[in-house]
Amino acid sequence: MFKAITTWLVTYASFVLFFPIAVAIYRRKYMKKELKVMCYYLAFVLIFQLIAIVVSAVFKTNNLPFLHFYTVVEFGIISWFYKEYLGAFLNTKLIYGIFVLFTALAILNVIFVQSIFEYNSYPRGLECLFVVFYAITAYYKIIKSLEIISIEKSPLFWINAGFLFYFAGSLFLFVLGNLILTQDIQLSMLSWAIHACLVALMYVFIGIGLWHSPRQ
């Protein structure tokens, strides 16, 4: 029973991605600049997942090299999203600098630490820390500026919550990813089932946020 539930979650939780994609298509005329970036993020995730499925299921090839590329591009798009929202509140040069530093460390990790055919746990963990920093900064901007009256109708509030829950919740799993994979199979399945739930929650929150995109 435990194996069946965890396997189902790991296999099908990612299908929740179609919820925010459907909302983005339906509300596409009302997207602000930062929300358009979020649409690019969803499109990228969908394309990557399709490629990963084809490579793994059809060609029976290790798809972990794609994850190294995915991590850098994902962080780049998320950084772009926060740059558009935070604007002058957080120095743009700092956001660019963090992305360049992250990319350099991810490349060095492949060359000297973790093979391209190995799970890139260190860059994934570092990405979590940076995104959590952006999310907390975004909430601080909301509180300090008092620019939102009905916070539950704010697209940024929901999208930011999705990123915060996912990346903060996944930090432990990403950092210890390779260790968990080599331990008890039930522990590994439970960990990835929890990760699948966090992914689904993030997609739901992004979908809710896009739904609240204001009419222009």
C-alpha atoms as a PDB file:
ATOM      1  CA  MET A   1       0.000   0.000   0.000  1.00  0.00           C
ATOM      2  CA  PHE A   2       2.801   2.409   0.969  1.00  0.00           C
ATOM      3  CA  LYS A   3       4.713   1.630  -2.220  1.00  0.00           C
ATOM      4  CA  ALA A   4       1.593   2.053  -4.359  1.00  0.00           C
ATOM      5  CA  ILE A   5       0.760   5.477  -2.871  1.00  0.00           C
ATOM      6  CA  THR A   6       4.307   6.841  -3.100  1.00  0.00           C
ATOM      7  CA  THR A   7       4.729   5.515  -6.640  1.00  0.00           C
ATOM      8  CA  TRP A   8       1.453   7.133  -7.687  1.00  0.00           C
ATOM      9  CA  LEU A   9       2.484  10.484  -6.207  1.00  0.00           C
ATOM     10  CA  VAL A  10       5.916  10.441  -7.822  1.00  0.00           C
ATOM     11  CA  THR A  11       4.425   9.415 -11.179  1.00  0.00           C
ATOM     12  CA  TYR A  12       1.361  11.637 -11.419  1.00  0.00           C
ATOM     13  CA  ALA A  13       1.863  14.700  -9.169  1.00  0.00           C
ATOM     14  CA  SER A  14       3.671  16.534 -11.962  1.00  0.00           C
ATOM     15  CA  PHE A  15       0.471  16.458 -14.054  1.00  0.00           C
ATOM     16  CA  VAL A  16      -0.786  19.288 -11.817  1.00  0.00           C
ATOM     17  CA  LEU A  17       1.455  21.446 -14.038  1.00  0.00           C
ATOM     18  CA  PHE A  18      -1.370  21.539 -16.575  1.00  0.00           C
ATOM     19  CA  PHE A  19      -3.505  23.551 -14.112  1.00  0.00           C
ATOM     20  CA  PRO A  20      -1.351  26.724 -14.121  1.00  0.00           C
ATOM     21  CA  ILE A  21      -0.685  26.263 -17.845  1.00  0.00           C
ATOM     22  CA  ALA A  22      -4.432  26.208 -18.542  1.00  0.00           C
ATOM     23  CA  VAL A  23      -4.931  29.287 -16.349  1.00  0.00           C
ATOM     24  CA  ALA A  24      -2.060  31.080 -18.117  1.00  0.00           C
ATOM     25  CA  ILE A  25      -3.629  30.394 -21.516  1.00  0.00           C
ATOM     26  CA  TYR A  26      -7.069  31.510 -20.346  1.00  0.00           C
ATOM     27  CA  ARG A  27      -5.800  34.696 -18.649  1.00  0.00           C
ATOM     28  CA  ARG A  28      -3.034  35.494 -21.140  1.00  0.00           C
ATOM     29  CA  LYS A  29      -4.509  38.910 -22.041  1.00  0.00           C
ATOM     30  CA  TYR A  30      -4.223  40.143 -18.453  1.00  0.00           C
ATOM     31  CA  MET A  31      -0.621  39.242 -17.677  1.00  0.00           C
ATOM     32  CA  LYS A  32       1.689  41.875 -16.249  1.00  0.00           C
ATOM     33  CA  LYS A  33       5.366  41.774 -17.180  1.00  0.00           C
ATOM     34  CA  GLU A  34       6.451  39.582 -14.249  1.00  0.00           C
ATOM     35  CA  LEU A  35       3.497  37.239 -14.803  1.00  0.00           C
ATOM     36  CA  LYS A  36       4.527  36.761 -18.436  1.00  0.00           C
ATOM     37  CA  VAL A  37       7.898  35.595 -17.121  1.00  0.00           C
ATOM     38  CA  MET A  38       6.037  33.034 -15.029  1.00  0.00           C
ATOM     39  CA  CYS A  39       4.335  31.786 -18.209  1.00  0.00           C
ATOM     40  CA  TYR A  40       7.775  31.279 -19.771  1.00  0.00           C
ATOM     41  CA  TYR A  41       8.750  29.321 -16.670  1.00  0.00           C
ATOM     42  CA  LEU A  42       5.760  26.996 -17.016  1.00  0.00           C
ATOM     43  CA  ALA A  43       6.474  26.465 -20.718  1.00  0.00           C
ATOM     44  CA  PHE A  44      10.104  25.633 -19.958  1.00  0.00           C
ATOM     45  CA  VAL A  45       9.144  23.153 -17.242  1.00  0.00           C
ATOM     46  CA  LEU A  46       6.673  21.428 -19.567  1.00  0.00           C
ATOM     47  CA  ILE A  47       9.209  21.142 -22.396  1.00  0.00           C
ATOM     48  CA  PHE A  48      11.876  19.820 -20.037  1.00  0.00           C
ATOM     49  CA  GLN A  49       9.559  17.201 -18.559  1.00  0.00           C
ATOM     50  CA  LEU A  50       8.585  15.984 -22.019  1.00  0.00           C
ATOM     51  CA  ILE A  51      12.253  15.718 -23.025  1.00  0.00           C
ATOM     52  CA  ALA A  52      13.105  13.876 -19.795  1.00  0.00           C
ATOM     53  CA  ILE A  53      10.263  11.390 -20.354  1.00  0.00           C
ATOM     54  CA  VAL A  54      11.310  10.715 -23.953  1.00  0.00           C
ATOM     55  CA  VAL A  55      14.980  10.295 -23.062  1.00  0.00           C
ATOM     56  CA  SER A  56      14.244   8.000 -20.122  1.00  0.00           C
ATOM     57  CA  ALA A  57      11.326   5.945 -21.439  1.00  0.00           C
ATOM     58  CA  VAL A  58      12.015   5.777 -25.170  1.00  0.00           C
ATOM     59  CA  PHE A  59      15.804   5.904 -25.431  1.00  0.00           C
ATOM     60  CA  LYS A  60      16.439   4.254 -22.024  1.00  0.00           C
ATOM     61  CA  THR A  61      19.141   6.839 -21.338  1.00  0.00           C
ATOM     62  CA  ASN A  62      20.196   8.562 -18.120  1.00  0.00           C
ATOM     63  CA  ASN A  63      18.433  11.943 -18.142  1.00  0.00           C
ATOM     64  CA  LEU A  64      20.394  13.455 -15.251  1.00  0.00           C
ATOM     65  CA  PRO A  65      22.614  15.535 -17.604  1.00  0.00           C
ATOM     66  CA  PHE A  66      19.458  17.441 -18.540  1.00  0.00           C
ATOM     67  CA  LEU A  67      18.847  18.199 -14.846  1.00  0.00           C
ATOM     68  CA  HIS A  68      22.160  20.080 -14.592  1.00  0.00           C
ATOM     69  CA  PHE A  69      21.066  22.288 -17.500  1.00  0.00           C
ATOM     70  CA  TYR A  70      17.518  22.556 -16.129  1.00  0.00           C
ATOM     71  CA  THR A  71      18.719  23.786 -12.732  1.00  0.00           C
ATOM     72  CA  VAL A  72      20.662  26.721 -14.199  1.00  0.00           C
ATOM     73  CA  VAL A  73      17.890  27.766 -16.607  1.00  0.00           C
ATOM     74  CA  GLU A  74      15.184  27.369 -13.944  1.00  0.00           C
ATOM     75  CA  PHE A  75      17.082  29.588 -11.536  1.00  0.00           C
ATOM     76  CA  GLY A  76      17.678  32.101 -14.324  1.00  0.00           C
ATOM     77  CA  ILE A  77      13.958  32.394 -15.118  1.00  0.00           C
ATOM     78  CA  ILE A  78      13.006  32.632 -11.425  1.00  0.00           C
ATOM     79  CA  SER A  79      15.658  35.336 -10.951  1.00  0.00           C
ATOM     80  CA  TRP A  80      14.171  37.171 -13.945  1.00  0.00           C
ATOM     81  CA  PHE A  81      10.721  36.958 -12.347  1.00  0.00           C
ATOM     82  CA  TYR A  82      11.938  38.482  -9.081  1.00  0.00           C
ATOM     83  CA  LYS A  83      13.966  41.125 -10.919  1.00  0.00           C
ATOM     84  CA  GLU A  84      10.790  42.298 -12.652  1.00  0.00           C
ATOM     85  CA  TYR A  85       8.809  42.422  -9.420  1.00  0.00           C
ATOM     86  CA  LEU A  86      11.402  43.700  -6.970  1.00  0.00           C
ATOM     87  CA  GLY A  87      12.782  46.318  -9.354  1.00  0.00           C
ATOM     88  CA  ALA A  88      14.725  48.981  -7.494  1.00  0.00           C
ATOM     89  CA  PHE A  89      13.745  47.465  -4.126  1.00  0.00           C
ATOM     90  CA  LEU A  90      16.585  44.957  -4.556  1.00  0.00           C
ATOM     91  CA  ASN A  91      19.607  46.089  -6.554  1.00  0.00           C
ATOM     92  CA  THR A  92      19.364  44.554 -10.025  1.00  0.00           C
ATOM     93  CA  LYS A  93      23.132  44.137 -10.121  1.00  0.00           C
ATOM     94  CA  LEU A  94      22.852  41.900  -7.053  1.00  0.00           C
ATOM     95  CA  ILE A  95      20.369  39.618  -8.832  1.00  0.00           C
ATOM     96  CA  TYR A  96      22.614  39.444 -11.908  1.00  0.00           C
ATOM     97  CA  GLY A  97      25.626  38.792  -9.687  1.00  0.00           C
ATOM     98  CA  ILE A  98      23.877  35.973  -7.836  1.00  0.00           C
ATOM     99  CA  PHE A  99      22.899  34.319 -11.127  1.00  0.00           C
ATOM    100  CA  VAL A 100      26.435  34.566 -12.540  1.00  0.00           C
ATOM    101  CA  LEU A 101      27.851  33.168  -9.280  1.00  0.00           C
ATOM    102  CA  PHE A 102      25.317  30.345  -9.260  1.00  0.00           C
ATOM    103  CA  THR A 103      26.044  29.426 -12.881  1.00  0.00           C
ATOM    104  CA  ALA A 104      29.797  29.417 -12.253  1.00  0.00           C
ATOM    105  CA  LEU A 105      29.418  27.206  -9.183  1.00  0.00           C
ATOM    106  CA  ALA A 106      27.108  24.833 -11.077  1.00  0.00           C
ATOM    107  CA  ILE A 107      29.720  24.462 -13.847  1.00  0.00           C
ATOM    108  CA  LEU A 108      32.528  23.942 -11.333  1.00  0.00           C
ATOM    109  CA  ASN A 109      30.382  21.346  -9.573  1.00  0.00           C
ATOM    110  CA  VAL A 110      30.088  19.347 -12.812  1.00  0.00           C
ATOM    111  CA  ILE A 111      33.820  19.584 -13.527  1.00  0.00           C
ATOM    112  CA  PHE A 112      35.248  18.886 -10.081  1.00  0.00           C
ATOM    113  CA  VAL A 113      32.579  17.531  -7.697  1.00  0.00           C
ATOM    114  CA  GLN A 114      29.539  15.772  -9.167  1.00  0.00           C
ATOM    115  CA  SER A 115      29.520  14.073 -12.545  1.00  0.00           C
ATOM    116  CA  ILE A 116      27.031  15.203 -15.162  1.00  0.00           C
ATOM    117  CA  PHE A 117      25.514  11.714 -14.819  1.00  0.00           C
ATOM    118  CA  GLU A 118      25.066  12.207 -11.067  1.00  0.00           C
ATOM    119  CA  TYR A 119      22.265  14.025  -9.240  1.00  0.00           C
ATOM    120  CA  ASN A 120      23.400  17.666  -8.818  1.00  0.00           C
ATOM    121  CA  SER A 121      22.434  17.939  -5.167  1.00  0.00           C
ATOM    122  CA  TYR A 122      24.724  20.872  -4.304  1.00  0.00           C
ATOM    123  CA  PRO A 123      23.504  23.294  -7.021  1.00  0.00           C
ATOM    124  CA  ARG A 124      19.900  22.282  -6.270  1.00  0.00           C
ATOM    125  CA  GLY A 125      20.417  23.054  -2.591  1.00  0.00           C
ATOM    126  CA  LEU A 126      22.095  26.367  -3.379  1.00  0.00           C
ATOM    127  CA  GLU A 127      19.212  27.266  -5.689  1.00  0.00           C
ATOM    128  CA  CYS A 128      16.799  26.645  -2.809  1.00  0.00           C
ATOM    129  CA  LEU A 129      18.674  29.074  -0.570  1.00  0.00           C
ATOM    130  CA  PHE A 130      18.730  31.837  -3.189  1.00  0.00           C
ATOM    131  CA  VAL A 131      15.043  31.448  -4.118  1.00  0.00           C
ATOM    132  CA  VAL A 132      14.019  31.468  -0.445  1.00  0.00           C
ATOM    133  CA  PHE A 133      16.032  34.696  -0.097  1.00  0.00           C
ATOM    134  CA  TYR A 134      14.159  36.235  -3.052  1.00  0.00           C
ATOM    135  CA  ALA A 135      10.786  35.076  -1.694  1.00  0.00           C
ATOM    136  CA  ILE A 136      11.399  36.538   1.762  1.00  0.00           C
ATOM    137  CA  THR A 137      12.611  39.791   0.185  1.00  0.00           C
ATOM    138  CA  ALA A 138       9.436  39.952  -1.927  1.00  0.00           C
ATOM    139  CA  TYR A 139       7.232  39.560   1.156  1.00  0.00           C
ATOM    140  CA  TYR A 140       9.261  42.230   2.919  1.00  0.00           C
ATOM    141  CA  LYS A 141       8.575  44.570  -0.017  1.00  0.00           C
ATOM    142  CA  ILE A 142       4.842  43.850   0.235  1.00  0.00           C
ATOM    143  CA  ILE A 143       4.810  44.599   3.965  1.00  0.00           C
ATOM    144  CA  LYS A 144       6.984  47.703   3.724  1.00  0.00           C
ATOM    145  CA  SER A 145       5.246  49.286   0.740  1.00  0.00           C
ATOM    146  CA  LEU A 146       1.690  48.418   1.832  1.00  0.00           C
ATOM    147  CA  GLU A 147       0.849  48.339  -1.882  1.00  0.00           C
ATOM    148  CA  ILE A 148      -1.635  45.458  -1.635  1.00  0.00           C
ATOM    149  CA  ILE A 149      -5.013  45.878   0.079  1.00  0.00           C
ATOM    150  CA  SER A 150      -6.471  42.389  -0.494  1.00  0.00           C
ATOM    151  CA  ILE A 151      -3.389  40.209  -0.228  1.00  0.00           C
ATOM    152  CA  GLU A 152      -5.312  37.036  -1.040  1.00  0.00           C
ATOM    153  CA  LYS A 153      -6.038  38.507  -4.487  1.00  0.00           C
ATOM    154  CA  SER A 154      -2.410  39.354  -5.185  1.00  0.00           C
ATOM    155  CA  PRO A 155      -0.761  37.205  -7.907  1.00  0.00           C
ATOM    156  CA  LEU A 156       2.651  37.773  -6.331  1.00  0.00           C
ATOM    157  CA  PHE A 157       1.452  36.581  -2.921  1.00  0.00           C
ATOM    158  CA  TRP A 158       0.354  33.193  -4.291  1.00  0.00           C
ATOM    159  CA  ILE A 159       3.279  32.645  -6.671  1.00  0.00           C
ATOM    160  CA  ASN A 160       5.751  33.710  -4.020  1.00  0.00           C
ATOM    161  CA  ALA A 161       4.136  31.331  -1.508  1.00  0.00           C
ATOM    162  CA  GLY A 162       4.435  28.500  -4.023  1.00  0.00           C
ATOM    163  CA  PHE A 163       8.152  29.102  -4.505  1.00  0.00           C
ATOM    164  CA  LEU A 164       8.747  29.537  -0.786  1.00  0.00           C
ATOM    165  CA  PHE A 165       6.973  26.309   0.201  1.00  0.00           C
ATOM    166  CA  TYR A 166       8.601  24.285  -2.563  1.00  0.00           C
ATOM    167  CA  PHE A 167      12.197  25.461  -2.287  1.00  0.00           C
ATOM    168  CA  ALA A 168      12.258  25.704   1.507  1.00  0.00           C
ATOM    169  CA  GLY A 169      10.616  22.293   1.801  1.00  0.00           C
ATOM    170  CA  SER A 170      12.921  20.684  -0.772  1.00  0.00           C
ATOM    171  CA  LEU A 171      16.190  22.049   0.626  1.00  0.00           C
ATOM    172  CA  PHE A 172      16.871  19.030   2.850  1.00  0.00           C
ATOM    173  CA  LEU A 173      15.985  16.583   0.068  1.00  0.00           C
ATOM    174  CA  PHE A 174      18.177  18.301  -2.523  1.00  0.00           C
ATOM    175  CA  VAL A 175      21.229  18.591  -0.278  1.00  0.00           C
ATOM    176  CA  LEU A 176      21.023  14.949   0.805  1.00  0.00           C
ATOM    177  CA  GLY A 177      19.626  13.691  -2.503  1.00  0.00           C
ATOM    178  CA  ASN A 178      22.459  11.319  -3.427  1.00  0.00           C
ATOM    179  CA  LEU A 179      22.695   9.962   0.126  1.00  0.00           C
ATOM    180  CA  ILE A 180      18.950   9.286   0.290  1.00  0.00           C
ATOM    181  CA  LEU A 181      19.039   7.459  -3.047  1.00  0.00           C
ATOM    182  CA  THR A 182      21.582   4.982  -1.681  1.00  0.00           C
ATOM    183  CA  GLN A 183      19.725   4.277   1.570  1.00  0.00           C
ATOM    184  CA  ASP A 184      16.589   2.271   2.293  1.00  0.00           C
ATOM    185  CA  ILE A 185      14.256   2.172  -0.724  1.00  0.00           C
ATOM    186  CA  GLN A 186      11.214   3.103   1.379  1.00  0.00           C
ATOM    187  CA  LEU A 187      12.982   6.199   2.722  1.00  0.00           C
ATOM    188  CA  SER A 188      13.914   7.178  -0.822  1.00  0.00           C
ATOM    189  CA  MET A 189      10.356   6.699  -2.093  1.00  0.00           C
ATOM    190  CA  LEU A 190       8.894   8.621   0.841  1.00  0.00           C
ATOM    191  CA  SER A 191      11.299  11.514   0.264  1.00  0.00           C
ATOM    192  CA  TRP A 192      10.455  11.788  -3.426  1.00  0.00           C
ATOM    193  CA  ALA A 193       6.738  11.432  -2.682  1.00  0.00           C
ATOM    194  CA  ILE A 194       7.020  14.429  -0.337  1.00  0.00           C
ATOM    195  CA  HIS A 195       8.911  16.264  -3.079  1.00  0.00           C
ATOM    196  CA  ALA A 196       6.120  15.427  -5.551  1.00  0.00           C
ATOM    197  CA  CYS A 197       3.542  16.892  -3.161  1.00  0.00           C
ATOM    198  CA  LEU A 198       5.603  20.077  -2.822  1.00  0.00           C
ATOM    199  CA  VAL A 199       5.844  20.351  -6.615  1.00  0.00           C
ATOM    200  CA  ALA A 200       2.072  19.921  -6.973  1.00  0.00           C
ATOM    201  CA  LEU A 201       1.459  22.532  -4.255  1.00  0.00           C
ATOM    202  CA  MET A 202       3.744  24.996  -6.030  1.00  0.00           C
ATOM    203  CA  TYR A 203       1.903  24.512  -9.324  1.00  0.00           C
ATOM    204  CA  VAL A 204      -1.473  25.017  -7.614  1.00  0.00           C
ATOM    205  CA  PHE A 205      -0.281  28.247  -5.988  1.00  0.00           C
ATOM    206  CA  ILE A 206       1.157  29.507  -9.288  1.00  0.00           C
ATOM    207  CA  GLY A 207      -2.157  28.729 -10.976  1.00  0.00           C
ATOM    208  CA  ILE A 208      -4.101  30.637  -8.316  1.00  0.00           C
ATOM    209  CA  GLY A 209      -1.697  33.553  -8.658  1.00  0.00           C
ATOM    210  CA  LEU A 210      -2.103  33.704 -12.435  1.00  0.00           C
ATOM    211  CA  TRP A 211      -5.868  33.509 -12.044  1.00  0.00           C
ATOM    212  CA  HIS A 212      -5.748  36.709  -9.974  1.00  0.00           C
ATOM    213  CA  SER A 213      -3.834  38.584 -12.668  1.00  0.00           C
ATOM    214  CA  PRO A 214      -5.525  42.014 -12.767  1.00  0.00           C
ATOM    215  CA  ARG A 215      -7.514  43.135 -15.781  1.00  0.00           C
ATOM    216  CA  GLN A 216      -5.668  45.874 -17.631  1.00  0.00           C
END
